[in-house]
Amino acid sequence: MKIINKILALILTLFGIFFLTGCNSKNESEEKIESIQEESPDDSQLDISNETSEQQKLTLDTNKCIGCGKCARIAPSNFEMDNRKADVISQENLESENVQQAIKNCPINIIKVS
């Protein structure tokens, strides 16, 4: 019985390390996003129609959110972390590269524009 408990503890520890490493480490796509953010113009300089923004809405399922924070790091003007869960804070500039990259980089695909 002690051996089983030790094996389970080891498995859980390894899973925790693997999970935290995957969520906290920057991968190549995040580095590219940061360089895009540095090179891109201010949101005020983007020419985005209000008509499409009013019809579309940015949503995410906070119940399924794993709290990795990628969306908030990629598009901080649209997402924030609240109690280890992502939350939409702005419906502006939904067509921006940052919002599109946040949607693409969500590991569980819970971010939608509809």
PDB file of N, CA and C in Angstrom:
ATOM      1  N   MET A   1       0.819  -1.195   0.000  1.00  0.00           N
ATOM      2  CA  MET A   1       0.000   0.000   0.000  1.00  0.00           C
ATOM      3  C   MET A   1       0.868   1.267   0.000  1.00  0.00           C
ATOM      4  N   LYS A   2       2.001   1.218   0.743  1.00  0.00           N
ATOM      5  CA  LYS A   2       2.896   2.375   0.768  1.00  0.00           C
ATOM      6  C   LYS A   2       3.506   2.631  -0.596  1.00  0.00           C
ATOM      7  N   ILE A   3       3.807   1.575  -1.311  1.00  0.00           N
ATOM      8  CA  ILE A   3       4.396   1.722  -2.643  1.00  0.00           C
ATOM      9  C   ILE A   3       3.404   2.380  -3.592  1.00  0.00           C
ATOM     10  N   ILE A   4       2.146   1.993  -3.517  1.00  0.00           N
ATOM     11  CA  ILE A   4       1.108   2.584  -4.370  1.00  0.00           C
ATOM     12  C   ILE A   4       0.963   4.063  -4.066  1.00  0.00           C
ATOM     13  N   ASN A   5       0.964   4.426  -2.796  1.00  0.00           N
ATOM     14  CA  ASN A   5       0.853   5.843  -2.414  1.00  0.00           C
ATOM     15  C   ASN A   5       2.047   6.642  -2.931  1.00  0.00           C
ATOM     16  N   LYS A   6       3.247   6.066  -2.861  1.00  0.00           N
ATOM     17  CA  LYS A   6       4.433   6.756  -3.355  1.00  0.00           C
ATOM     18  C   LYS A   6       4.376   6.921  -4.872  1.00  0.00           C
ATOM     19  N   ILE A   7       3.907   5.903  -5.560  1.00  0.00           N
ATOM     20  CA  ILE A   7       3.787   5.979  -7.021  1.00  0.00           C
ATOM     21  C   ILE A   7       2.768   7.040  -7.407  1.00  0.00           C
ATOM     22  N   LEU A   8       1.628   7.055  -6.729  1.00  0.00           N
ATOM     23  CA  LEU A   8       0.599   8.068  -7.014  1.00  0.00           C
ATOM     24  C   LEU A   8       1.125   9.475  -6.733  1.00  0.00           C
ATOM     25  N   ALA A   9       1.849   9.635  -5.634  1.00  0.00           N
ATOM     26  CA  ALA A   9       2.417  10.950  -5.303  1.00  0.00           C
ATOM     27  C   ALA A   9       3.409  11.386  -6.372  1.00  0.00           C
ATOM     28  N   LEU A  10       4.229  10.453  -6.859  1.00  0.00           N
ATOM     29  CA  LEU A  10       5.191  10.766  -7.907  1.00  0.00           C
ATOM     30  C   LEU A  10       4.492  11.156  -9.199  1.00  0.00           C
ATOM     31  N   ILE A  11       3.454  10.430  -9.565  1.00  0.00           N
ATOM     32  CA  ILE A  11       2.697  10.734 -10.784  1.00  0.00           C
ATOM     33  C   ILE A  11       2.051  12.105 -10.685  1.00  0.00           C
ATOM     34  N   LEU A  12       1.432  12.392  -9.562  1.00  0.00           N
ATOM     35  CA  LEU A  12       0.797  13.700  -9.379  1.00  0.00           C
ATOM     36  C   LEU A  12       1.824  14.824  -9.402  1.00  0.00           C
ATOM     37  N   THR A  13       2.969  14.604  -8.798  1.00  0.00           N
ATOM     38  CA  THR A  13       4.027  15.612  -8.802  1.00  0.00           C
ATOM     39  C   THR A  13       4.515  15.875 -10.222  1.00  0.00           C
ATOM     40  N   LEU A  14       4.775  14.803 -10.964  1.00  0.00           N
ATOM     41  CA  LEU A  14       5.227  14.968 -12.343  1.00  0.00           C
ATOM     42  C   LEU A  14       4.181  15.653 -13.206  1.00  0.00           C
ATOM     43  N   PHE A  15       2.923  15.288 -13.021  1.00  0.00           N
ATOM     44  CA  PHE A  15       1.851  15.934 -13.763  1.00  0.00           C
ATOM     45  C   PHE A  15       1.792  17.421 -13.432  1.00  0.00           C
ATOM     46  N   GLY A  16       1.893  17.754 -12.157  1.00  0.00           N
ATOM     47  CA  GLY A  16       1.869  19.157 -11.740  1.00  0.00           C
ATOM     48  C   GLY A  16       3.018  19.946 -12.341  1.00  0.00           C
ATOM     49  N   ILE A  17       4.205  19.369 -12.332  1.00  0.00           N
ATOM     50  CA  ILE A  17       5.367  20.046 -12.915  1.00  0.00           C
ATOM     51  C   ILE A  17       5.174  20.228 -14.416  1.00  0.00           C
ATOM     52  N   PHE A  18       4.718  19.177 -15.089  1.00  0.00           N
ATOM     53  CA  PHE A  18       4.484  19.246 -16.528  1.00  0.00           C
ATOM     54  C   PHE A  18       3.437  20.302 -16.850  1.00  0.00           C
ATOM     55  N   PHE A  19       2.341  20.320 -16.105  1.00  0.00           N
ATOM     56  CA  PHE A  19       1.257  21.275 -16.353  1.00  0.00           C
ATOM     57  C   PHE A  19       1.726  22.700 -16.127  1.00  0.00           C
ATOM     58  N   LEU A  20       2.390  22.959 -15.004  1.00  0.00           N
ATOM     59  CA  LEU A  20       2.846  24.313 -14.697  1.00  0.00           C
ATOM     60  C   LEU A  20       3.919  24.770 -15.673  1.00  0.00           C
ATOM     61  N   THR A  21       4.782  23.907 -16.073  1.00  0.00           N
ATOM     62  CA  THR A  21       5.814  24.262 -17.039  1.00  0.00           C
ATOM     63  C   THR A  21       5.183  24.628 -18.368  1.00  0.00           C
ATOM     64  N   GLY A  22       4.191  23.892 -18.791  1.00  0.00           N
ATOM     65  CA  GLY A  22       3.524  24.167 -20.062  1.00  0.00           C
ATOM     66  C   GLY A  22       2.780  25.475 -20.048  1.00  0.00           C
ATOM     67  N   CYS A  23       2.203  25.858 -18.925  1.00  0.00           N
ATOM     68  CA  CYS A  23       1.421  27.093 -18.854  1.00  0.00           C
ATOM     69  C   CYS A  23       2.290  28.317 -18.623  1.00  0.00           C
ATOM     70  N   ASN A  24       3.399  28.165 -17.954  1.00  0.00           N
ATOM     71  CA  ASN A  24       4.185  29.334 -17.585  1.00  0.00           C
ATOM     72  C   ASN A  24       5.343  29.627 -18.517  1.00  0.00           C
ATOM     73  N   SER A  25       5.815  28.656 -19.251  1.00  0.00           N
ATOM     74  CA  SER A  25       6.957  28.908 -20.114  1.00  0.00           C
ATOM     75  C   SER A  25       6.503  29.569 -21.408  1.00  0.00           C
ATOM     76  N   LYS A  26       7.353  30.435 -21.908  1.00  0.00           N
ATOM     77  CA  LYS A  26       7.056  31.097 -23.168  1.00  0.00           C
ATOM     78  C   LYS A  26       7.500  30.200 -24.298  1.00  0.00           C
ATOM     79  N   ASN A  27       6.603  29.975 -25.223  1.00  0.00           N
ATOM     80  CA  ASN A  27       6.990  29.201 -26.385  1.00  0.00           C
ATOM     81  C   ASN A  27       7.264  30.140 -27.551  1.00  0.00           C
ATOM     82  N   GLU A  28       7.652  29.572 -28.667  1.00  0.00           N
ATOM     83  CA  GLU A  28       8.043  30.374 -29.829  1.00  0.00           C
ATOM     84  C   GLU A  28       6.908  31.271 -30.309  1.00  0.00           C
ATOM     85  N   SER A  29       5.672  30.779 -30.285  1.00  0.00           N
ATOM     86  CA  SER A  29       4.555  31.590 -30.765  1.00  0.00           C
ATOM     87  C   SER A  29       4.302  32.789 -29.861  1.00  0.00           C
ATOM     88  N   GLU A  30       4.498  32.625 -28.547  1.00  0.00           N
ATOM     89  CA  GLU A  30       4.317  33.759 -27.641  1.00  0.00           C
ATOM     90  C   GLU A  30       5.391  34.822 -27.873  1.00  0.00           C
ATOM     91  N   GLU A  31       6.624  34.383 -28.162  1.00  0.00           N
ATOM     92  CA  GLU A  31       7.688  35.338 -28.438  1.00  0.00           C
ATOM     93  C   GLU A  31       7.388  36.119 -29.715  1.00  0.00           C
ATOM     94  N   LYS A  32       6.837  35.441 -30.731  1.00  0.00           N
ATOM     95  CA  LYS A  32       6.456  36.119 -31.964  1.00  0.00           C
ATOM     96  C   LYS A  32       5.349  37.129 -31.684  1.00  0.00           C
ATOM     97  N   ILE A  33       4.404  36.767 -30.821  1.00  0.00           N
ATOM     98  CA  ILE A  33       3.296  37.660 -30.487  1.00  0.00           C
ATOM     99  C   ILE A  33       3.824  38.906 -29.794  1.00  0.00           C
ATOM    100  N   GLU A  34       4.776  38.729 -28.877  1.00  0.00           N
ATOM    101  CA  GLU A  34       5.350  39.885 -28.194  1.00  0.00           C
ATOM    102  C   GLU A  34       6.031  40.821 -29.185  1.00  0.00           C
ATOM    103  N   SER A  35       6.719  40.263 -30.177  1.00  0.00           N
ATOM    104  CA  SER A  35       7.367  41.125 -31.157  1.00  0.00           C
ATOM    105  C   SER A  35       6.339  41.830 -32.030  1.00  0.00           C
ATOM    106  N   ILE A  36       5.217  41.161 -32.320  1.00  0.00           N
ATOM    107  CA  ILE A  36       4.138  41.801 -33.077  1.00  0.00           C
ATOM    108  C   ILE A  36       3.543  42.933 -32.268  1.00  0.00           C
ATOM    109  N   GLN A  37       3.345  42.714 -30.963  1.00  0.00           N
ATOM    110  CA  GLN A  37       2.778  43.755 -30.105  1.00  0.00           C
ATOM    111  C   GLN A  37       3.674  44.986 -30.068  1.00  0.00           C
ATOM    112  N   GLU A  38       4.989  44.760 -30.028  1.00  0.00           N
ATOM    113  CA  GLU A  38       5.919  45.883 -29.980  1.00  0.00           C
ATOM    114  C   GLU A  38       5.932  46.668 -31.286  1.00  0.00           C
ATOM    115  N   GLU A  39       5.715  45.984 -32.407  1.00  0.00           N
ATOM    116  CA  GLU A  39       5.765  46.625 -33.710  1.00  0.00           C
ATOM    117  C   GLU A  39       4.425  47.193 -34.151  1.00  0.00           C
ATOM    118  N   SER A  40       3.330  46.700 -33.584  1.00  0.00           N
ATOM    119  CA  SER A  40       2.006  47.106 -34.059  1.00  0.00           C
ATOM    120  C   SER A  40       1.641  48.501 -33.542  1.00  0.00           C
ATOM    121  N   PRO A  41       0.806  49.220 -34.275  1.00  0.00           N
ATOM    122  CA  PRO A  41       0.383  50.550 -33.845  1.00  0.00           C
ATOM    123  C   PRO A  41      -0.560  50.468 -32.651  1.00  0.00           C
ATOM    124  N   ASP A  42      -0.775  51.616 -32.016  1.00  0.00           N
ATOM    125  CA  ASP A  42      -1.743  51.678 -30.922  1.00  0.00           C
ATOM    126  C   ASP A  42      -3.111  51.262 -31.424  1.00  0.00           C
ATOM    127  N   ASP A  43      -3.962  50.797 -30.507  1.00  0.00           N
ATOM    128  CA  ASP A  43      -5.325  50.442 -30.882  1.00  0.00           C
ATOM    129  C   ASP A  43      -6.062  51.641 -31.472  1.00  0.00           C
ATOM    130  N   SER A  44      -5.688  52.855 -31.038  1.00  0.00           N
ATOM    131  CA  SER A  44      -6.354  54.054 -31.551  1.00  0.00           C
ATOM    132  C   SER A  44      -6.010  54.304 -33.020  1.00  0.00           C
ATOM    133  N   GLN A  45      -4.893  53.730 -33.508  1.00  0.00           N
ATOM    134  CA  GLN A  45      -4.481  53.931 -34.885  1.00  0.00           C
ATOM    135  C   GLN A  45      -5.058  52.877 -35.827  1.00  0.00           C
ATOM    136  N   LEU A  46      -5.641  51.831 -35.288  1.00  0.00           N
ATOM    137  CA  LEU A  46      -6.204  50.782 -36.125  1.00  0.00           C
ATOM    138  C   LEU A  46      -7.528  51.243 -36.716  1.00  0.00           C
ATOM    139  N   ASP A  47      -7.742  50.926 -37.986  1.00  0.00           N
ATOM    140  CA  ASP A  47      -8.971  51.305 -38.670  1.00  0.00           C
ATOM    141  C   ASP A  47      -9.932  50.121 -38.648  1.00  0.00           C
ATOM    142  N   ILE A  48     -10.763  50.072 -37.608  1.00  0.00           N
ATOM    143  CA  ILE A  48     -11.710  48.978 -37.453  1.00  0.00           C
ATOM    144  C   ILE A  48     -13.115  49.558 -37.395  1.00  0.00           C
ATOM    145  N   SER A  49     -13.986  48.997 -38.186  1.00  0.00           N
ATOM    146  CA  SER A  49     -15.348  49.492 -38.280  1.00  0.00           C
ATOM    147  C   SER A  49     -16.131  49.209 -37.002  1.00  0.00           C
ATOM    148  N   ASN A  50     -16.857  50.210 -36.496  1.00  0.00           N
ATOM    149  CA  ASN A  50     -17.700  50.015 -35.320  1.00  0.00           C
ATOM    150  C   ASN A  50     -18.869  49.087 -35.625  1.00  0.00           C
ATOM    151  N   GLU A  51     -19.281  49.059 -36.879  1.00  0.00           N
ATOM    152  CA  GLU A  51     -20.418  48.228 -37.252  1.00  0.00           C
ATOM    153  C   GLU A  51     -20.145  46.748 -36.992  1.00  0.00           C
ATOM    154  N   THR A  52     -18.967  46.251 -37.369  1.00  0.00           N
ATOM    155  CA  THR A  52     -18.658  44.844 -37.132  1.00  0.00           C
ATOM    156  C   THR A  52     -18.440  44.571 -35.653  1.00  0.00           C
ATOM    157  N   SER A  53     -17.838  45.518 -34.922  1.00  0.00           N
ATOM    158  CA  SER A  53     -17.599  45.331 -33.500  1.00  0.00           C
ATOM    159  C   SER A  53     -18.902  45.253 -32.727  1.00  0.00           C
ATOM    160  N   GLU A  54     -19.909  46.015 -33.138  1.00  0.00           N
ATOM    161  CA  GLU A  54     -21.186  45.997 -32.439  1.00  0.00           C
ATOM    162  C   GLU A  54     -21.910  44.676 -32.660  1.00  0.00           C
ATOM    163  N   GLN A  55     -21.745  44.074 -33.822  1.00  0.00           N
ATOM    164  CA  GLN A  55     -22.422  42.827 -34.120  1.00  0.00           C
ATOM    165  C   GLN A  55     -21.712  41.635 -33.486  1.00  0.00           C
ATOM    166  N   GLN A  56     -20.418  41.705 -33.329  1.00  0.00           N
ATOM    167  CA  GLN A  56     -19.656  40.591 -32.800  1.00  0.00           C
ATOM    168  C   GLN A  56     -19.391  40.765 -31.311  1.00  0.00           C
ATOM    169  N   LYS A  57     -19.213  39.624 -30.631  1.00  0.00           N
ATOM    170  CA  LYS A  57     -18.970  39.667 -29.199  1.00  0.00           C
ATOM    171  C   LYS A  57     -17.891  38.652 -28.844  1.00  0.00           C
ATOM    172  N   LEU A  58     -16.942  39.089 -28.023  1.00  0.00           N
ATOM    173  CA  LEU A  58     -15.863  38.241 -27.547  1.00  0.00           C
ATOM    174  C   LEU A  58     -16.328  37.535 -26.276  1.00  0.00           C
ATOM    175  N   THR A  59     -16.252  36.207 -26.271  1.00  0.00           N
ATOM    176  CA  THR A  59     -16.689  35.432 -25.104  1.00  0.00           C
ATOM    177  C   THR A  59     -15.675  34.344 -24.788  1.00  0.00           C
ATOM    178  N   LEU A  60     -15.708  33.890 -23.552  1.00  0.00           N
ATOM    179  CA  LEU A  60     -14.950  32.711 -23.160  1.00  0.00           C
ATOM    180  C   LEU A  60     -15.686  32.019 -22.027  1.00  0.00           C
ATOM    181  N   ASP A  61     -15.519  30.725 -21.941  1.00  0.00           N
ATOM    182  CA  ASP A  61     -16.193  29.920 -20.921  1.00  0.00           C
ATOM    183  C   ASP A  61     -15.293  29.831 -19.695  1.00  0.00           C
ATOM    184  N   THR A  62     -15.552  30.677 -18.695  1.00  0.00           N
ATOM    185  CA  THR A  62     -14.690  30.712 -17.509  1.00  0.00           C
ATOM    186  C   THR A  62     -14.756  29.413 -16.715  1.00  0.00           C
ATOM    187  N   ASN A  63     -15.841  28.663 -16.846  1.00  0.00           N
ATOM    188  CA  ASN A  63     -15.936  27.383 -16.137  1.00  0.00           C
ATOM    189  C   ASN A  63     -14.933  26.362 -16.667  1.00  0.00           C
ATOM    190  N   LYS A  64     -14.561  26.476 -17.936  1.00  0.00           N
ATOM    191  CA  LYS A  64     -13.601  25.550 -18.536  1.00  0.00           C
ATOM    192  C   LYS A  64     -12.184  26.100 -18.537  1.00  0.00           C
ATOM    193  N   CYS A  65     -12.013  27.372 -18.188  1.00  0.00           N
ATOM    194  CA  CYS A  65     -10.700  28.020 -18.213  1.00  0.00           C
ATOM    195  C   CYS A  65      -9.745  27.321 -17.236  1.00  0.00           C
ATOM    196  N   ILE A  66      -8.517  27.023 -17.711  1.00  0.00           N
ATOM    197  CA  ILE A  66      -7.509  26.384 -16.857  1.00  0.00           C
ATOM    198  C   ILE A  66      -6.574  27.410 -16.221  1.00  0.00           C
ATOM    199  N   GLY A  67      -6.750  28.681 -16.562  1.00  0.00           N
ATOM    200  CA  GLY A  67      -5.990  29.748 -15.918  1.00  0.00           C
ATOM    201  C   GLY A  67      -4.547  29.875 -16.355  1.00  0.00           C
ATOM    202  N   CYS A  68      -4.216  29.487 -17.581  1.00  0.00           N
ATOM    203  CA  CYS A  68      -2.823  29.576 -18.033  1.00  0.00           C
ATOM    204  C   CYS A  68      -2.401  31.026 -18.263  1.00  0.00           C
ATOM    205  N   GLY A  69      -3.343  31.927 -18.554  1.00  0.00           N
ATOM    206  CA  GLY A  69      -3.044  33.349 -18.691  1.00  0.00           C
ATOM    207  C   GLY A  69      -2.518  33.781 -20.047  1.00  0.00           C
ATOM    208  N   LYS A  70      -2.484  32.891 -21.019  1.00  0.00           N
ATOM    209  CA  LYS A  70      -1.956  33.260 -22.334  1.00  0.00           C
ATOM    210  C   LYS A  70      -2.757  34.393 -22.956  1.00  0.00           C
ATOM    211  N   CYS A  71      -4.072  34.337 -22.870  1.00  0.00           N
ATOM    212  CA  CYS A  71      -4.900  35.365 -23.501  1.00  0.00           C
ATOM    213  C   CYS A  71      -4.619  36.742 -22.893  1.00  0.00           C
ATOM    214  N   ALA A  72      -4.466  36.800 -21.570  1.00  0.00           N
ATOM    215  CA  ALA A  72      -4.208  38.076 -20.902  1.00  0.00           C
ATOM    216  C   ALA A  72      -2.816  38.618 -21.229  1.00  0.00           C
ATOM    217  N   ARG A  73      -1.854  37.727 -21.461  1.00  0.00           N
ATOM    218  CA  ARG A  73      -0.514  38.183 -21.850  1.00  0.00           C
ATOM    219  C   ARG A  73      -0.490  38.649 -23.292  1.00  0.00           C
ATOM    220  N   ILE A  74      -1.247  37.984 -24.164  1.00  0.00           N
ATOM    221  CA  ILE A  74      -1.233  38.311 -25.586  1.00  0.00           C
ATOM    222  C   ILE A  74      -2.081  39.548 -25.890  1.00  0.00           C
ATOM    223  N   ALA A  75      -3.272  39.625 -25.292  1.00  0.00           N
ATOM    224  CA  ALA A  75      -4.194  40.737 -25.555  1.00  0.00           C
ATOM    225  C   ALA A  75      -4.668  41.340 -24.231  1.00  0.00           C
ATOM    226  N   PRO A  76      -3.788  42.039 -23.520  1.00  0.00           N
ATOM    227  CA  PRO A  76      -4.147  42.563 -22.199  1.00  0.00           C
ATOM    228  C   PRO A  76      -5.242  43.632 -22.217  1.00  0.00           C
ATOM    229  N   SER A  77      -5.487  44.238 -23.369  1.00  0.00           N
ATOM    230  CA  SER A  77      -6.559  45.238 -23.425  1.00  0.00           C
ATOM    231  C   SER A  77      -7.935  44.577 -23.516  1.00  0.00           C
ATOM    232  N   ASN A  78      -7.987  43.272 -23.791  1.00  0.00           N
ATOM    233  CA  ASN A  78      -9.267  42.570 -23.912  1.00  0.00           C
ATOM    234  C   ASN A  78      -9.492  41.522 -22.825  1.00  0.00           C
ATOM    235  N   PHE A  79      -8.406  41.028 -22.201  1.00  0.00           N
ATOM    236  CA  PHE A  79      -8.530  39.971 -21.197  1.00  0.00           C
ATOM    237  C   PHE A  79      -7.767  40.338 -19.936  1.00  0.00           C
ATOM    238  N   GLU A  80      -8.248  39.814 -18.806  1.00  0.00           N
ATOM    239  CA  GLU A  80      -7.510  39.917 -17.557  1.00  0.00           C
ATOM    240  C   GLU A  80      -7.723  38.626 -16.774  1.00  0.00           C
ATOM    241  N   MET A  81      -6.829  38.392 -15.836  1.00  0.00           N
ATOM    242  CA  MET A  81      -6.959  37.220 -14.982  1.00  0.00           C
ATOM    243  C   MET A  81      -7.646  37.647 -13.694  1.00  0.00           C
ATOM    244  N   ASP A  82      -8.657  36.880 -13.304  1.00  0.00           N
ATOM    245  CA  ASP A  82      -9.421  37.163 -12.093  1.00  0.00           C
ATOM    246  C   ASP A  82      -9.620  35.845 -11.351  1.00  0.00           C
ATOM    247  N   ASN A  83      -9.007  35.730 -10.180  1.00  0.00           N
ATOM    248  CA  ASN A  83      -9.085  34.494  -9.397  1.00  0.00           C
ATOM    249  C   ASN A  83      -8.644  33.281 -10.207  1.00  0.00           C
ATOM    250  N   ARG A  84      -7.508  33.433 -10.883  1.00  0.00           N
ATOM    251  CA  ARG A  84      -6.896  32.370 -11.692  1.00  0.00           C
ATOM    252  C   ARG A  84      -7.750  31.911 -12.863  1.00  0.00           C
ATOM    253  N   LYS A  85      -8.652  32.760 -13.297  1.00  0.00           N
ATOM    254  CA  LYS A  85      -9.467  32.485 -14.485  1.00  0.00           C
ATOM    255  C   LYS A  85      -9.429  33.720 -15.377  1.00  0.00           C
ATOM    256  N   ALA A  86      -9.481  33.490 -16.682  1.00  0.00           N
ATOM    257  CA  ALA A  86      -9.499  34.599 -17.632  1.00  0.00           C
ATOM    258  C   ALA A  86     -10.885  35.220 -17.678  1.00  0.00           C
ATOM    259  N   ASP A  87     -10.914  36.512 -17.972  1.00  0.00           N
ATOM    260  CA  ASP A  87     -12.175  37.230 -18.069  1.00  0.00           C
ATOM    261  C   ASP A  87     -12.057  38.266 -19.186  1.00  0.00           C
ATOM    262  N   VAL A  88     -13.120  38.432 -19.959  1.00  0.00           N
ATOM    263  CA  VAL A  88     -13.144  39.440 -21.020  1.00  0.00           C
ATOM    264  C   VAL A  88     -13.421  40.791 -20.378  1.00  0.00           C
ATOM    265  N   ILE A  89     -12.571  41.783 -20.679  1.00  0.00           N
ATOM    266  CA  ILE A  89     -12.763  43.114 -20.101  1.00  0.00           C
ATOM    267  C   ILE A  89     -13.092  44.170 -21.144  1.00  0.00           C
ATOM    268  N   SER A  90     -12.938  43.824 -22.430  1.00  0.00           N
ATOM    269  CA  SER A  90     -13.225  44.791 -23.481  1.00  0.00           C
ATOM    270  C   SER A  90     -13.725  44.081 -24.730  1.00  0.00           C
ATOM    271  N   GLN A  91     -14.683  44.723 -25.392  1.00  0.00           N
ATOM    272  CA  GLN A  91     -15.221  44.213 -26.653  1.00  0.00           C
ATOM    273  C   GLN A  91     -14.683  45.029 -27.834  1.00  0.00           C
ATOM    274  N   GLU A  92     -13.644  45.813 -27.609  1.00  0.00           N
ATOM    275  CA  GLU A  92     -13.096  46.667 -28.663  1.00  0.00           C
ATOM    276  C   GLU A  92     -12.002  45.949 -29.443  1.00  0.00           C
ATOM    277  N   ASN A  93     -11.868  46.330 -30.712  1.00  0.00           N
ATOM    278  CA  ASN A  93     -10.802  45.841 -31.591  1.00  0.00           C
ATOM    279  C   ASN A  93     -10.756  44.321 -31.688  1.00  0.00           C
ATOM    280  N   LEU A  94     -11.916  43.716 -31.885  1.00  0.00           N
ATOM    281  CA  LEU A  94     -11.996  42.261 -31.947  1.00  0.00           C
ATOM    282  C   LEU A  94     -11.266  41.680 -33.148  1.00  0.00           C
ATOM    283  N   GLU A  95     -11.049  42.481 -34.174  1.00  0.00           N
ATOM    284  CA  GLU A  95     -10.351  42.013 -35.363  1.00  0.00           C
ATOM    285  C   GLU A  95      -8.839  42.198 -35.249  1.00  0.00           C
ATOM    286  N   SER A  96      -8.354  42.734 -34.142  1.00  0.00           N
ATOM    287  CA  SER A  96      -6.924  43.003 -34.003  1.00  0.00           C
ATOM    288  C   SER A  96      -6.120  41.709 -33.987  1.00  0.00           C
ATOM    289  N   GLU A  97      -4.862  41.830 -34.361  1.00  0.00           N
ATOM    290  CA  GLU A  97      -3.954  40.669 -34.390  1.00  0.00           C
ATOM    291  C   GLU A  97      -3.813  40.060 -32.994  1.00  0.00           C
ATOM    292  N   ASN A  98      -3.770  40.900 -31.956  1.00  0.00           N
ATOM    293  CA  ASN A  98      -3.610  40.389 -30.597  1.00  0.00           C
ATOM    294  C   ASN A  98      -4.784  39.506 -30.180  1.00  0.00           C
ATOM    295  N   VAL A  99      -6.001  39.935 -30.469  1.00  0.00           N
ATOM    296  CA  VAL A  99      -7.182  39.143 -30.111  1.00  0.00           C
ATOM    297  C   VAL A  99      -7.189  37.844 -30.907  1.00  0.00           C
ATOM    298  N   GLN A 100      -6.873  37.920 -32.188  1.00  0.00           N
ATOM    299  CA  GLN A 100      -6.839  36.712 -33.018  1.00  0.00           C
ATOM    300  C   GLN A 100      -5.783  35.727 -32.514  1.00  0.00           C
ATOM    301  N   GLN A 101      -4.624  36.243 -32.092  1.00  0.00           N
ATOM    302  CA  GLN A 101      -3.570  35.376 -31.562  1.00  0.00           C
ATOM    303  C   GLN A 101      -3.978  34.776 -30.214  1.00  0.00           C
ATOM    304  N   ALA A 102      -4.679  35.543 -29.395  1.00  0.00           N
ATOM    305  CA  ALA A 102      -5.162  35.011 -28.115  1.00  0.00           C
ATOM    306  C   ALA A 102      -6.121  33.850 -28.346  1.00  0.00           C
ATOM    307  N   ILE A 103      -6.996  34.001 -29.333  1.00  0.00           N
ATOM    308  CA  ILE A 103      -7.943  32.933 -29.666  1.00  0.00           C
ATOM    309  C   ILE A 103      -7.184  31.694 -30.138  1.00  0.00           C
ATOM    310  N   LYS A 104      -6.213  31.881 -31.026  1.00  0.00           N
ATOM    311  CA  LYS A 104      -5.457  30.751 -31.583  1.00  0.00           C
ATOM    312  C   LYS A 104      -4.603  30.055 -30.533  1.00  0.00           C
ATOM    313  N   ASN A 105      -4.093  30.803 -29.544  1.00  0.00           N
ATOM    314  CA  ASN A 105      -3.179  30.238 -28.565  1.00  0.00           C
ATOM    315  C   ASN A 105      -3.846  29.706 -27.308  1.00  0.00           C
ATOM    316  N   CYS A 106      -5.158  29.798 -27.209  1.00  0.00           N
ATOM    317  CA  CYS A 106      -5.848  29.229 -26.049  1.00  0.00           C
ATOM    318  C   CYS A 106      -5.698  27.705 -26.103  1.00  0.00           C
ATOM    319  N   PRO A 107      -5.092  27.098 -25.082  1.00  0.00           N
ATOM    320  CA  PRO A 107      -4.825  25.657 -25.147  1.00  0.00           C
ATOM    321  C   PRO A 107      -6.080  24.783 -25.134  1.00  0.00           C
ATOM    322  N   ILE A 108      -7.205  25.346 -24.696  1.00  0.00           N
ATOM    323  CA  ILE A 108      -8.427  24.532 -24.667  1.00  0.00           C
ATOM    324  C   ILE A 108      -9.536  25.114 -25.549  1.00  0.00           C
ATOM    325  N   ASN A 109      -9.199  26.110 -26.353  1.00  0.00           N
ATOM    326  CA  ASN A 109     -10.114  26.681 -27.359  1.00  0.00           C
ATOM    327  C   ASN A 109     -11.471  27.103 -26.788  1.00  0.00           C
ATOM    328  N   ILE A 110     -11.444  27.930 -25.760  1.00  0.00           N
ATOM    329  CA  ILE A 110     -12.702  28.386 -25.166  1.00  0.00           C
ATOM    330  C   ILE A 110     -13.017  29.838 -25.508  1.00  0.00           C
ATOM    331  N   ILE A 111     -12.149  30.509 -26.266  1.00  0.00           N
ATOM    332  CA  ILE A 111     -12.364  31.907 -26.633  1.00  0.00           C
ATOM    333  C   ILE A 111     -13.012  31.969 -28.000  1.00  0.00           C
ATOM    334  N   LYS A 112     -14.103  32.729 -28.110  1.00  0.00           N
ATOM    335  CA  LYS A 112     -14.844  32.825 -29.369  1.00  0.00           C
ATOM    336  C   LYS A 112     -15.213  34.282 -29.649  1.00  0.00           C
ATOM    337  N   VAL A 113     -15.282  34.617 -30.940  1.00  0.00           N
ATOM    338  CA  VAL A 113     -15.855  35.878 -31.379  1.00  0.00           C
ATOM    339  C   VAL A 113     -17.051  35.495 -32.244  1.00  0.00           C
ATOM    340  N   SER A 114     -18.224  35.902 -31.809  1.00  0.00           N
ATOM    341  CA  SER A 114     -19.424  35.559 -32.593  1.00  0.00           C
ATOM    342  C   SER A 114     -20.405  36.706 -32.587  1.00  0.00           C
TER     343      SER A 114
END
